[in-house]
Amino acid sequence: MTKKKLGADKDKFRMFMGKYGIGVILLLMMVFISFVEPSFRSASNMINVATQVSINAMIAYGMCLAITTEGIDLSVGAQLALVSCILGQLISNKGWGILPAILAAVLISTLWGAINGLLISKFNMFPFVVTLSTQLIIRGFAQVISGGQAIPITETTFKSIYSSKVAQIPFPILVLILVTILMYLLLHWTKLGRYVFAVGDNMNAAIASGVSVVKTKTAVYAISGFLAGIAGVIFTAKTASAQSNIGIGYETDAVAACVLGGTSFAGGVATVPGVLMGIFIIGFIYNGMNLIGIDSYYQSMTKGAVIIGAVLLDMVMNKKTN
């Protein structure tokens, strides 16, 4: 085989892995875990995993938008906790109706996201510094609102947000499907989506083309806050309790899902299906290790190793050939 032919085959392999590598990894992982623990492949377990990752997927989609603009949102876990505490106060202590309480809580998380975007774009501050700082502020607000105590929510209707089913499909999975479709349309078929890619790929060129970086990044972080709010609603309905210490480390899972799904930290590269498969890989890692009986400490180590492996694979597969 000639060097030219070998080089062409390598390029084809890189292109294939670039497009379908995440799907191949997901399939191989499912086959391996199913072989080790047969109960993993049961329909009930698959539904259980999908229901659980619906919360993380909301946060991962918002993180995907932020990373695509060459940023990051470290405040999403704290925003989830803030929404939870607001819901607890309004529903359990203030006697608000469920819908008004949800709207108010999610609106506040959306506004916090918009504040992140404005600070980053208007004042040219580093996304890492801004969202790390607002993470601390938001978490502090959550602790003040809850008084550092768990607030039980006994409303059956509210708890049914997580436990109810429509046509035998858990409601959180339906929310996941709807948000996935909307995120795909937003990122790949709207003007905002094009602006997100343009800003992340080359900000100066985007500005020269008439793209408003301030509006684009403010919208991106506002959407991230909104999705973190939705995640907070689902999580609180799951636990039937509002707590200020929840959501810790969720930003790490979101970043891992994005990296696994092919979202580039260099900006300008992302796919919604990739992020979805990335979050399922994280979910399957946790679920499979729990079924096998592996300690949670090793789960965190494995997740870290998977992130490093995904970044290295991305670098190798996208390396230009001479």
C-alpha atoms as a PDB file:
ATOM      1  CA  MET A   1       0.000   0.000   0.000  1.00  0.00           C
ATOM      2  CA  THR A   2       1.443   3.371  -1.027  1.00  0.00           C
ATOM      3  CA  LYS A   3       1.985   6.229   1.415  1.00  0.00           C
ATOM      4  CA  LYS A   4      -0.584   8.272  -0.529  1.00  0.00           C
ATOM      5  CA  LYS A   5      -3.190   5.543  -0.200  1.00  0.00           C
ATOM      6  CA  LEU A   6      -2.389   5.092   3.496  1.00  0.00           C
ATOM      7  CA  GLY A   7      -2.713   8.828   4.081  1.00  0.00           C
ATOM      8  CA  ALA A   8      -6.083   8.894   2.330  1.00  0.00           C
ATOM      9  CA  ASP A   9      -7.316   6.008   4.487  1.00  0.00           C
ATOM     10  CA  LYS A  10      -6.199   7.841   7.634  1.00  0.00           C
ATOM     11  CA  ASP A  11      -8.061  10.945   6.512  1.00  0.00           C
ATOM     12  CA  LYS A  12     -11.223   8.899   5.913  1.00  0.00           C
ATOM     13  CA  PHE A  13     -10.892   7.316   9.346  1.00  0.00           C
ATOM     14  CA  ARG A  14     -10.468  10.743  10.961  1.00  0.00           C
ATOM     15  CA  MET A  15     -13.515  12.057   9.129  1.00  0.00           C
ATOM     16  CA  PHE A  16     -15.558   9.033  10.195  1.00  0.00           C
ATOM     17  CA  MET A  17     -14.515   9.315  13.827  1.00  0.00           C
ATOM     18  CA  GLY A  18     -15.035  13.051  13.756  1.00  0.00           C
ATOM     19  CA  LYS A  19     -18.651  12.530  12.687  1.00  0.00           C
ATOM     20  CA  TYR A  20     -19.556   9.271  14.396  1.00  0.00           C
ATOM     21  CA  GLY A  21     -16.844   8.654  17.012  1.00  0.00           C
ATOM     22  CA  ILE A  22     -19.043   9.639  19.943  1.00  0.00           C
ATOM     23  CA  GLY A  23     -21.757   7.249  18.749  1.00  0.00           C
ATOM     24  CA  VAL A  24     -19.231   4.444  18.395  1.00  0.00           C
ATOM     25  CA  ILE A  25     -17.961   5.066  21.936  1.00  0.00           C
ATOM     26  CA  LEU A  26     -21.507   5.098  23.298  1.00  0.00           C
ATOM     27  CA  LEU A  27     -22.358   1.820  21.535  1.00  0.00           C
ATOM     28  CA  LEU A  28     -19.178   0.061  22.682  1.00  0.00           C
ATOM     29  CA  MET A  29     -19.753   1.220  26.246  1.00  0.00           C
ATOM     30  CA  MET A  30     -23.316  -0.105  26.250  1.00  0.00           C
ATOM     31  CA  VAL A  31     -22.170  -3.467  24.860  1.00  0.00           C
ATOM     32  CA  PHE A  32     -19.364  -3.764  27.422  1.00  0.00           C
ATOM     33  CA  ILE A  33     -21.511  -2.873  30.441  1.00  0.00           C
ATOM     34  CA  SER A  34     -24.310  -5.166  29.214  1.00  0.00           C
ATOM     35  CA  PHE A  35     -21.827  -8.032  29.028  1.00  0.00           C
ATOM     36  CA  VAL A  36     -20.540  -7.403  32.564  1.00  0.00           C
ATOM     37  CA  GLU A  37     -23.974  -6.667  34.086  1.00  0.00           C
ATOM     38  CA  PRO A  38     -26.941  -8.060  32.040  1.00  0.00           C
ATOM     39  CA  SER A  39     -29.500  -6.024  34.005  1.00  0.00           C
ATOM     40  CA  PHE A  40     -27.992  -2.880  32.482  1.00  0.00           C
ATOM     41  CA  ARG A  41     -29.716  -3.482  29.151  1.00  0.00           C
ATOM     42  CA  SER A  42     -33.204  -3.869  30.610  1.00  0.00           C
ATOM     43  CA  ALA A  43     -35.840  -1.431  29.374  1.00  0.00           C
ATOM     44  CA  SER A  44     -36.561  -0.222  32.905  1.00  0.00           C
ATOM     45  CA  ASN A  45     -32.889   0.636  33.459  1.00  0.00           C
ATOM     46  CA  MET A  46     -32.643   2.490  30.136  1.00  0.00           C
ATOM     47  CA  ILE A  47     -35.702   4.561  31.078  1.00  0.00           C
ATOM     48  CA  ASN A  48     -34.210   5.174  34.512  1.00  0.00           C
ATOM     49  CA  VAL A  49     -30.955   6.469  33.007  1.00  0.00           C
ATOM     50  CA  ALA A  50     -32.794   8.692  30.525  1.00  0.00           C
ATOM     51  CA  THR A  51     -34.923  10.148  33.318  1.00  0.00           C
ATOM     52  CA  GLN A  52     -31.903  10.879  35.496  1.00  0.00           C
ATOM     53  CA  VAL A  53     -29.793  12.479  32.759  1.00  0.00           C
ATOM     54  CA  SER A  54     -32.660  14.761  31.737  1.00  0.00           C
ATOM     55  CA  ILE A  55     -31.566  17.140  34.519  1.00  0.00           C
ATOM     56  CA  ASN A  56     -27.902  17.117  33.490  1.00  0.00           C
ATOM     57  CA  ALA A  57     -28.821  17.503  29.831  1.00  0.00           C
ATOM     58  CA  MET A  58     -30.566  20.833  30.495  1.00  0.00           C
ATOM     59  CA  ILE A  59     -27.377  22.186  32.057  1.00  0.00           C
ATOM     60  CA  ALA A  60     -25.149  20.637  29.369  1.00  0.00           C
ATOM     61  CA  TYR A  61     -27.072  22.342  26.560  1.00  0.00           C
ATOM     62  CA  GLY A  62     -26.593  25.726  28.201  1.00  0.00           C
ATOM     63  CA  MET A  63     -22.919  24.949  28.764  1.00  0.00           C
ATOM     64  CA  CYS A  64     -22.612  23.980  25.102  1.00  0.00           C
ATOM     65  CA  LEU A  65     -23.770  27.429  24.011  1.00  0.00           C
ATOM     66  CA  ALA A  66     -21.329  29.134  26.376  1.00  0.00           C
ATOM     67  CA  ILE A  67     -18.364  27.006  25.288  1.00  0.00           C
ATOM     68  CA  THR A  68     -19.222  27.497  21.619  1.00  0.00           C
ATOM     69  CA  THR A  69     -18.798  31.258  22.113  1.00  0.00           C
ATOM     70  CA  GLU A  70     -15.373  30.474  23.622  1.00  0.00           C
ATOM     71  CA  GLY A  71     -16.677  30.882  27.168  1.00  0.00           C
ATOM     72  CA  ILE A  72     -17.878  28.765  30.071  1.00  0.00           C
ATOM     73  CA  ASP A  73     -20.644  28.965  32.661  1.00  0.00           C
ATOM     74  CA  LEU A  74     -19.577  27.738  36.098  1.00  0.00           C
ATOM     75  CA  SER A  75     -22.649  29.180  37.810  1.00  0.00           C
ATOM     76  CA  VAL A  76     -25.185  26.664  36.485  1.00  0.00           C
ATOM     77  CA  GLY A  77     -25.089  24.349  39.512  1.00  0.00           C
ATOM     78  CA  ALA A  78     -25.606  27.282  41.867  1.00  0.00           C
ATOM     79  CA  GLN A  79     -28.478  28.541  39.718  1.00  0.00           C
ATOM     80  CA  LEU A  80     -30.117  25.130  40.022  1.00  0.00           C
ATOM     81  CA  ALA A  81     -29.850  25.401  43.815  1.00  0.00           C
ATOM     82  CA  LEU A  82     -31.202  28.971  43.808  1.00  0.00           C
ATOM     83  CA  VAL A  83     -34.257  27.933  41.806  1.00  0.00           C
ATOM     84  CA  SER A  84     -34.828  25.048  44.206  1.00  0.00           C
ATOM     85  CA  CYS A  85     -34.718  27.333  47.266  1.00  0.00           C
ATOM     86  CA  ILE A  86     -36.985  29.924  45.649  1.00  0.00           C
ATOM     87  CA  LEU A  87     -39.507  27.199  44.839  1.00  0.00           C
ATOM     88  CA  GLY A  88     -39.380  25.940  48.407  1.00  0.00           C
ATOM     89  CA  GLN A  89     -39.979  29.388  49.844  1.00  0.00           C
ATOM     90  CA  LEU A  90     -42.744  30.379  47.452  1.00  0.00           C
ATOM     91  CA  ILE A  91     -44.678  27.082  47.426  1.00  0.00           C
ATOM     92  CA  SER A  92     -44.202  25.818  50.986  1.00  0.00           C
ATOM     93  CA  ASN A  93     -43.764  29.022  52.996  1.00  0.00           C
ATOM     94  CA  LYS A  94     -45.553  31.724  50.975  1.00  0.00           C
ATOM     95  CA  GLY A  95     -48.442  29.669  49.627  1.00  0.00           C
ATOM     96  CA  TRP A  96     -47.849  30.535  45.971  1.00  0.00           C
ATOM     97  CA  GLY A  97     -49.374  28.458  43.210  1.00  0.00           C
ATOM     98  CA  ILE A  98     -47.071  25.992  41.480  1.00  0.00           C
ATOM     99  CA  LEU A  99     -47.044  27.664  38.048  1.00  0.00           C
ATOM    100  CA  PRO A 100     -46.391  31.234  39.304  1.00  0.00           C
ATOM    101  CA  ALA A 101     -43.639  29.921  41.588  1.00  0.00           C
ATOM    102  CA  ILE A 102     -41.961  28.050  38.718  1.00  0.00           C
ATOM    103  CA  LEU A 103     -42.195  31.071  36.413  1.00  0.00           C
ATOM    104  CA  ALA A 104     -40.726  33.398  39.062  1.00  0.00           C
ATOM    105  CA  ALA A 105     -37.872  31.021  39.934  1.00  0.00           C
ATOM    106  CA  VAL A 106     -36.902  30.337  36.322  1.00  0.00           C
ATOM    107  CA  LEU A 107     -37.154  34.042  35.467  1.00  0.00           C
ATOM    108  CA  ILE A 108     -34.653  34.842  38.224  1.00  0.00           C
ATOM    109  CA  SER A 109     -32.188  32.204  36.993  1.00  0.00           C
ATOM    110  CA  THR A 110     -32.577  33.564  33.456  1.00  0.00           C
ATOM    111  CA  LEU A 111     -31.815  37.090  34.683  1.00  0.00           C
ATOM    112  CA  TRP A 112     -28.711  35.844  36.468  1.00  0.00           C
ATOM    113  CA  GLY A 113     -27.603  34.262  33.204  1.00  0.00           C
ATOM    114  CA  ALA A 114     -28.175  37.558  31.384  1.00  0.00           C
ATOM    115  CA  ILE A 115     -26.076  39.345  34.030  1.00  0.00           C
ATOM    116  CA  ASN A 116     -23.265  36.863  33.369  1.00  0.00           C
ATOM    117  CA  GLY A 117     -23.498  37.553  29.645  1.00  0.00           C
ATOM    118  CA  LEU A 118     -23.483  41.324  30.091  1.00  0.00           C
ATOM    119  CA  LEU A 119     -20.474  41.274  32.414  1.00  0.00           C
ATOM    120  CA  ILE A 120     -18.572  39.048  29.998  1.00  0.00           C
ATOM    121  CA  SER A 121     -19.431  40.866  26.774  1.00  0.00           C
ATOM    122  CA  LYS A 122     -19.988  44.489  27.800  1.00  0.00           C
ATOM    123  CA  PHE A 123     -17.001  44.760  30.131  1.00  0.00           C
ATOM    124  CA  ASN A 124     -14.818  42.217  28.335  1.00  0.00           C
ATOM    125  CA  MET A 125     -14.354  40.120  31.478  1.00  0.00           C
ATOM    126  CA  PHE A 126     -13.146  36.518  31.434  1.00  0.00           C
ATOM    127  CA  PRO A 127     -16.088  34.047  31.484  1.00  0.00           C
ATOM    128  CA  PHE A 128     -14.273  31.812  33.976  1.00  0.00           C
ATOM    129  CA  VAL A 129     -13.811  34.652  36.474  1.00  0.00           C
ATOM    130  CA  VAL A 130     -17.310  36.073  36.037  1.00  0.00           C
ATOM    131  CA  THR A 131     -19.221  32.809  36.363  1.00  0.00           C
ATOM    132  CA  LEU A 132     -17.009  31.545  39.195  1.00  0.00           C
ATOM    133  CA  SER A 133     -17.768  34.765  41.089  1.00  0.00           C
ATOM    134  CA  THR A 134     -21.510  34.683  40.388  1.00  0.00           C
ATOM    135  CA  GLN A 135     -21.517  31.015  41.374  1.00  0.00           C
ATOM    136  CA  LEU A 136     -20.445  32.053  44.869  1.00  0.00           C
ATOM    137  CA  ILE A 137     -22.923  34.937  44.979  1.00  0.00           C
ATOM    138  CA  ILE A 138     -25.850  32.838  43.750  1.00  0.00           C
ATOM    139  CA  ARG A 139     -25.026  29.972  46.117  1.00  0.00           C
ATOM    140  CA  GLY A 140     -24.953  32.533  48.934  1.00  0.00           C
ATOM    141  CA  PHE A 141     -28.385  33.830  47.952  1.00  0.00           C
ATOM    142  CA  ALA A 142     -29.702  30.264  47.961  1.00  0.00           C
ATOM    143  CA  GLN A 143     -28.373  29.733  51.488  1.00  0.00           C
ATOM    144  CA  VAL A 144     -29.926  32.994  52.680  1.00  0.00           C
ATOM    145  CA  ILE A 145     -33.316  32.153  51.163  1.00  0.00           C
ATOM    146  CA  SER A 146     -33.374  28.663  52.654  1.00  0.00           C
ATOM    147  CA  GLY A 147     -31.722  29.609  55.929  1.00  0.00           C
ATOM    148  CA  GLY A 148     -29.285  26.788  55.309  1.00  0.00           C
ATOM    149  CA  GLN A 149     -32.084  24.266  55.897  1.00  0.00           C
ATOM    150  CA  ALA A 150     -33.946  21.899  53.593  1.00  0.00           C
ATOM    151  CA  ILE A 151     -37.483  23.051  52.795  1.00  0.00           C
ATOM    152  CA  PRO A 152     -39.870  20.142  52.172  1.00  0.00           C
ATOM    153  CA  ILE A 153     -42.383  20.537  49.352  1.00  0.00           C
ATOM    154  CA  THR A 154     -45.433  18.342  49.905  1.00  0.00           C
ATOM    155  CA  GLU A 155     -47.545  19.480  46.948  1.00  0.00           C
ATOM    156  CA  THR A 156     -48.432  16.297  45.064  1.00  0.00           C
ATOM    157  CA  THR A 157     -48.929  18.174  41.790  1.00  0.00           C
ATOM    158  CA  PHE A 158     -45.436  19.618  41.985  1.00  0.00           C
ATOM    159  CA  LYS A 159     -43.831  16.270  42.782  1.00  0.00           C
ATOM    160  CA  SER A 160     -45.642  14.761  39.776  1.00  0.00           C
ATOM    161  CA  ILE A 161     -43.441  16.887  37.493  1.00  0.00           C
ATOM    162  CA  TYR A 162     -40.785  14.223  37.990  1.00  0.00           C
ATOM    163  CA  SER A 163     -42.902  11.141  38.718  1.00  0.00           C
ATOM    164  CA  SER A 164     -45.749  11.472  36.198  1.00  0.00           C
ATOM    165  CA  LYS A 165     -45.875   9.702  32.843  1.00  0.00           C
ATOM    166  CA  VAL A 166     -47.457  10.494  29.495  1.00  0.00           C
ATOM    167  CA  ALA A 167     -48.158   7.423  27.335  1.00  0.00           C
ATOM    168  CA  GLN A 168     -45.878   5.449  29.721  1.00  0.00           C
ATOM    169  CA  ILE A 169     -43.022   7.894  29.085  1.00  0.00           C
ATOM    170  CA  PRO A 170     -41.725   9.746  32.172  1.00  0.00           C
ATOM    171  CA  PHE A 171     -42.409  13.471  31.956  1.00  0.00           C
ATOM    172  CA  PRO A 172     -38.705  14.474  32.385  1.00  0.00           C
ATOM    173  CA  ILE A 173     -37.862  12.443  29.281  1.00  0.00           C
ATOM    174  CA  LEU A 174     -40.536  14.296  27.313  1.00  0.00           C
ATOM    175  CA  VAL A 175     -39.032  17.578  28.522  1.00  0.00           C
ATOM    176  CA  LEU A 176     -35.611  16.319  27.428  1.00  0.00           C
ATOM    177  CA  ILE A 177     -36.903  15.447  23.953  1.00  0.00           C
ATOM    178  CA  LEU A 178     -38.626  18.819  23.560  1.00  0.00           C
ATOM    179  CA  VAL A 179     -35.601  20.825  24.717  1.00  0.00           C
ATOM    180  CA  THR A 180     -33.278  18.759  22.512  1.00  0.00           C
ATOM    181  CA  ILE A 181     -35.380  19.541  19.443  1.00  0.00           C
ATOM    182  CA  LEU A 182     -35.591  23.235  20.327  1.00  0.00           C
ATOM    183  CA  MET A 183     -31.855  23.446  20.999  1.00  0.00           C
ATOM    184  CA  TYR A 184     -31.078  21.758  17.686  1.00  0.00           C
ATOM    185  CA  LEU A 185     -33.297  24.195  15.824  1.00  0.00           C
ATOM    186  CA  LEU A 186     -31.864  27.171  17.715  1.00  0.00           C
ATOM    187  CA  LEU A 187     -28.217  26.251  17.188  1.00  0.00           C
ATOM    188  CA  HIS A 188     -28.425  24.998  13.604  1.00  0.00           C
ATOM    189  CA  TRP A 189     -31.374  26.784  12.018  1.00  0.00           C
ATOM    190  CA  THR A 190     -31.675  30.266  13.530  1.00  0.00           C
ATOM    191  CA  LYS A 191     -29.850  33.574  13.162  1.00  0.00           C
ATOM    192  CA  LEU A 192     -28.828  33.417  16.821  1.00  0.00           C
ATOM    193  CA  GLY A 193     -27.294  30.001  16.230  1.00  0.00           C
ATOM    194  CA  ARG A 194     -25.260  31.342  13.310  1.00  0.00           C
ATOM    195  CA  TYR A 195     -24.137  34.253  15.455  1.00  0.00           C
ATOM    196  CA  VAL A 196     -23.078  31.865  18.238  1.00  0.00           C
ATOM    197  CA  PHE A 197     -20.853  29.930  15.844  1.00  0.00           C
ATOM    198  CA  ALA A 198     -19.527  33.144  14.282  1.00  0.00           C
ATOM    199  CA  VAL A 199     -18.595  34.721  17.618  1.00  0.00           C
ATOM    200  CA  GLY A 200     -16.897  31.544  18.805  1.00  0.00           C
ATOM    201  CA  ASP A 201     -15.040  30.962  15.554  1.00  0.00           C
ATOM    202  CA  ASN A 202     -13.693  34.488  15.019  1.00  0.00           C
ATOM    203  CA  MET A 203     -15.054  37.329  17.128  1.00  0.00           C
ATOM    204  CA  ASN A 204     -13.363  40.097  15.144  1.00  0.00           C
ATOM    205  CA  ALA A 205     -14.715  38.757  11.867  1.00  0.00           C
ATOM    206  CA  ALA A 206     -18.178  38.446  13.441  1.00  0.00           C
ATOM    207  CA  ILE A 207     -18.068  42.085  14.591  1.00  0.00           C
ATOM    208  CA  ALA A 208     -16.930  43.161  11.123  1.00  0.00           C
ATOM    209  CA  SER A 209     -19.926  41.292   9.701  1.00  0.00           C
ATOM    210  CA  GLY A 210     -22.330  43.252  11.891  1.00  0.00           C
ATOM    211  CA  VAL A 211     -22.873  40.665  14.632  1.00  0.00           C
ATOM    212  CA  SER A 212     -23.601  42.153  18.062  1.00  0.00           C
ATOM    213  CA  VAL A 213     -21.333  40.268  20.434  1.00  0.00           C
ATOM    214  CA  VAL A 214     -23.031  41.819  23.468  1.00  0.00           C
ATOM    215  CA  LYS A 215     -26.513  40.715  22.404  1.00  0.00           C
ATOM    216  CA  THR A 216     -25.315  37.273  21.326  1.00  0.00           C
ATOM    217  CA  LYS A 217     -23.402  36.461  24.511  1.00  0.00           C
ATOM    218  CA  THR A 218     -26.117  37.941  26.728  1.00  0.00           C
ATOM    219  CA  ALA A 219     -28.679  35.729  24.981  1.00  0.00           C
ATOM    220  CA  VAL A 220     -26.395  32.680  25.290  1.00  0.00           C
ATOM    221  CA  TYR A 221     -25.875  33.027  29.044  1.00  0.00           C
ATOM    222  CA  ALA A 222     -29.538  33.940  29.590  1.00  0.00           C
ATOM    223  CA  ILE A 223     -30.519  30.689  27.853  1.00  0.00           C
ATOM    224  CA  SER A 224     -27.992  28.838  29.999  1.00  0.00           C
ATOM    225  CA  GLY A 225     -29.611  30.342  33.097  1.00  0.00           C
ATOM    226  CA  PHE A 226     -33.078  29.451  31.823  1.00  0.00           C
ATOM    227  CA  LEU A 227     -32.096  25.826  31.215  1.00  0.00           C
ATOM    228  CA  ALA A 228     -30.427  25.634  34.644  1.00  0.00           C
ATOM    229  CA  GLY A 229     -33.744  26.875  36.033  1.00  0.00           C
ATOM    230  CA  ILE A 230     -35.653  24.106  34.247  1.00  0.00           C
ATOM    231  CA  ALA A 231     -33.152  21.598  35.652  1.00  0.00           C
ATOM    232  CA  GLY A 232     -33.743  23.065  39.103  1.00  0.00           C
ATOM    233  CA  VAL A 233     -37.498  22.573  38.789  1.00  0.00           C
ATOM    234  CA  ILE A 234     -37.120  18.922  37.751  1.00  0.00           C
ATOM    235  CA  PHE A 235     -34.508  18.207  40.433  1.00  0.00           C
ATOM    236  CA  THR A 236     -36.626  19.762  43.182  1.00  0.00           C
ATOM    237  CA  ALA A 237     -39.679  17.810  42.036  1.00  0.00           C
ATOM    238  CA  LYS A 238     -37.565  14.661  42.181  1.00  0.00           C
ATOM    239  CA  THR A 239     -36.384  15.198  45.763  1.00  0.00           C
ATOM    240  CA  ALA A 240     -39.546  17.003  46.997  1.00  0.00           C
ATOM    241  CA  SER A 241     -37.181  19.209  48.950  1.00  0.00           C
ATOM    242  CA  ALA A 242     -35.517  22.580  48.345  1.00  0.00           C
ATOM    243  CA  GLN A 243     -31.854  22.689  49.337  1.00  0.00           C
ATOM    244  CA  SER A 244     -29.028  25.166  48.893  1.00  0.00           C
ATOM    245  CA  ASN A 245     -26.280  22.538  48.664  1.00  0.00           C
ATOM    246  CA  ILE A 246     -27.541  20.742  45.559  1.00  0.00           C
ATOM    247  CA  GLY A 247     -26.100  21.079  42.067  1.00  0.00           C
ATOM    248  CA  ILE A 248     -22.489  20.986  43.254  1.00  0.00           C
ATOM    249  CA  GLY A 249     -20.303  19.546  40.499  1.00  0.00           C
ATOM    250  CA  TYR A 250     -23.046  19.644  37.878  1.00  0.00           C
ATOM    251  CA  GLU A 251     -21.014  22.081  35.809  1.00  0.00           C
ATOM    252  CA  THR A 252     -18.290  19.419  35.627  1.00  0.00           C
ATOM    253  CA  ASP A 253     -20.710  16.860  34.196  1.00  0.00           C
ATOM    254  CA  ALA A 254     -21.933  19.483  31.718  1.00  0.00           C
ATOM    255  CA  VAL A 255     -18.401  20.286  30.559  1.00  0.00           C
ATOM    256  CA  ALA A 256     -17.638  16.557  30.261  1.00  0.00           C
ATOM    257  CA  ALA A 257     -20.735  15.974  28.125  1.00  0.00           C
ATOM    258  CA  CYS A 258     -19.842  18.884  25.856  1.00  0.00           C
ATOM    259  CA  VAL A 259     -16.233  17.759  25.404  1.00  0.00           C
ATOM    260  CA  LEU A 260     -17.310  14.179  24.743  1.00  0.00           C
ATOM    261  CA  GLY A 261     -19.863  15.468  22.244  1.00  0.00           C
ATOM    262  CA  GLY A 262     -17.274  17.339  20.224  1.00  0.00           C
ATOM    263  CA  THR A 263     -17.817  20.878  21.508  1.00  0.00           C
ATOM    264  CA  SER A 264     -14.490  22.678  21.143  1.00  0.00           C
ATOM    265  CA  PHE A 265     -13.066  24.940  23.844  1.00  0.00           C
ATOM    266  CA  ALA A 266     -11.539  26.929  20.991  1.00  0.00           C
ATOM    267  CA  GLY A 267     -15.086  27.975  20.112  1.00  0.00           C
ATOM    268  CA  GLY A 268     -17.182  27.769  16.975  1.00  0.00           C
ATOM    269  CA  VAL A 269     -17.694  23.977  16.978  1.00  0.00           C
ATOM    270  CA  ALA A 270     -20.619  22.121  18.562  1.00  0.00           C
ATOM    271  CA  THR A 271     -23.498  19.768  17.812  1.00  0.00           C
ATOM    272  CA  VAL A 272     -26.614  19.141  19.881  1.00  0.00           C
ATOM    273  CA  PRO A 273     -26.745  15.376  19.096  1.00  0.00           C
ATOM    274  CA  GLY A 274     -23.112  15.126  20.189  1.00  0.00           C
ATOM    275  CA  VAL A 275     -23.847  16.793  23.535  1.00  0.00           C
ATOM    276  CA  LEU A 276     -26.856  14.508  24.038  1.00  0.00           C
ATOM    277  CA  MET A 277     -24.739  11.408  23.447  1.00  0.00           C
ATOM    278  CA  GLY A 278     -22.052  12.855  25.685  1.00  0.00           C
ATOM    279  CA  ILE A 279     -24.461  13.254  28.592  1.00  0.00           C
ATOM    280  CA  PHE A 280     -25.724   9.690  28.065  1.00  0.00           C
ATOM    281  CA  ILE A 281     -22.142   8.420  28.179  1.00  0.00           C
ATOM    282  CA  ILE A 282     -21.689  10.158  31.546  1.00  0.00           C
ATOM    283  CA  GLY A 283     -25.018   8.725  32.707  1.00  0.00           C
ATOM    284  CA  PHE A 284     -24.110   5.214  31.587  1.00  0.00           C
ATOM    285  CA  ILE A 285     -20.735   5.444  33.356  1.00  0.00           C
ATOM    286  CA  TYR A 286     -22.444   6.266  36.644  1.00  0.00           C
ATOM    287  CA  ASN A 287     -25.257   3.772  36.160  1.00  0.00           C
ATOM    288  CA  GLY A 288     -23.015   0.943  35.003  1.00  0.00           C
ATOM    289  CA  MET A 289     -20.569   1.415  37.853  1.00  0.00           C
ATOM    290  CA  ASN A 290     -23.412   1.500  40.372  1.00  0.00           C
ATOM    291  CA  LEU A 291     -24.824  -1.750  38.995  1.00  0.00           C
ATOM    292  CA  ILE A 292     -21.411  -3.398  39.024  1.00  0.00           C
ATOM    293  CA  GLY A 293     -20.816  -2.133  42.558  1.00  0.00           C
ATOM    294  CA  ILE A 294     -17.854   0.166  41.951  1.00  0.00           C
ATOM    295  CA  ASP A 295     -17.229   2.838  44.598  1.00  0.00           C
ATOM    296  CA  SER A 296     -18.294   6.412  43.804  1.00  0.00           C
ATOM    297  CA  TYR A 297     -14.706   7.644  44.234  1.00  0.00           C
ATOM    298  CA  TYR A 298     -13.672   5.591  41.231  1.00  0.00           C
ATOM    299  CA  GLN A 299     -16.609   7.000  39.278  1.00  0.00           C
ATOM    300  CA  SER A 300     -15.183  10.518  39.619  1.00  0.00           C
ATOM    301  CA  MET A 301     -11.727   9.286  38.607  1.00  0.00           C
ATOM    302  CA  THR A 302     -13.195   7.544  35.581  1.00  0.00           C
ATOM    303  CA  LYS A 303     -15.105  10.664  34.542  1.00  0.00           C
ATOM    304  CA  GLY A 304     -11.907  12.718  34.702  1.00  0.00           C
ATOM    305  CA  ALA A 305     -10.037  10.142  32.641  1.00  0.00           C
ATOM    306  CA  VAL A 306     -12.846  10.081  30.070  1.00  0.00           C
ATOM    307  CA  ILE A 307     -12.659  13.873  29.668  1.00  0.00           C
ATOM    308  CA  ILE A 308      -8.894  13.772  29.092  1.00  0.00           C
ATOM    309  CA  GLY A 309      -9.324  10.889  26.643  1.00  0.00           C
ATOM    310  CA  ALA A 310     -12.035  12.749  24.734  1.00  0.00           C
ATOM    311  CA  VAL A 311      -9.888  15.868  24.403  1.00  0.00           C
ATOM    312  CA  LEU A 312      -6.900  13.834  23.215  1.00  0.00           C
ATOM    313  CA  LEU A 313      -9.069  11.944  20.716  1.00  0.00           C
ATOM    314  CA  ASP A 314     -10.458  15.224  19.405  1.00  0.00           C
ATOM    315  CA  MET A 315      -6.933  16.595  18.949  1.00  0.00           C
ATOM    316  CA  VAL A 316      -5.750  13.475  17.124  1.00  0.00           C
ATOM    317  CA  MET A 317      -8.795  13.172  14.889  1.00  0.00           C
ATOM    318  CA  ASN A 318      -8.782  16.819  13.882  1.00  0.00           C
ATOM    319  CA  LYS A 319      -5.038  17.149  13.375  1.00  0.00           C
ATOM    320  CA  LYS A 320      -4.270  18.454   9.917  1.00  0.00           C
ATOM    321  CA  THR A 321      -2.426  16.124   7.596  1.00  0.00           C
ATOM    322  CA  ASN A 322       0.640  17.408   5.818  1.00  0.00           C
END
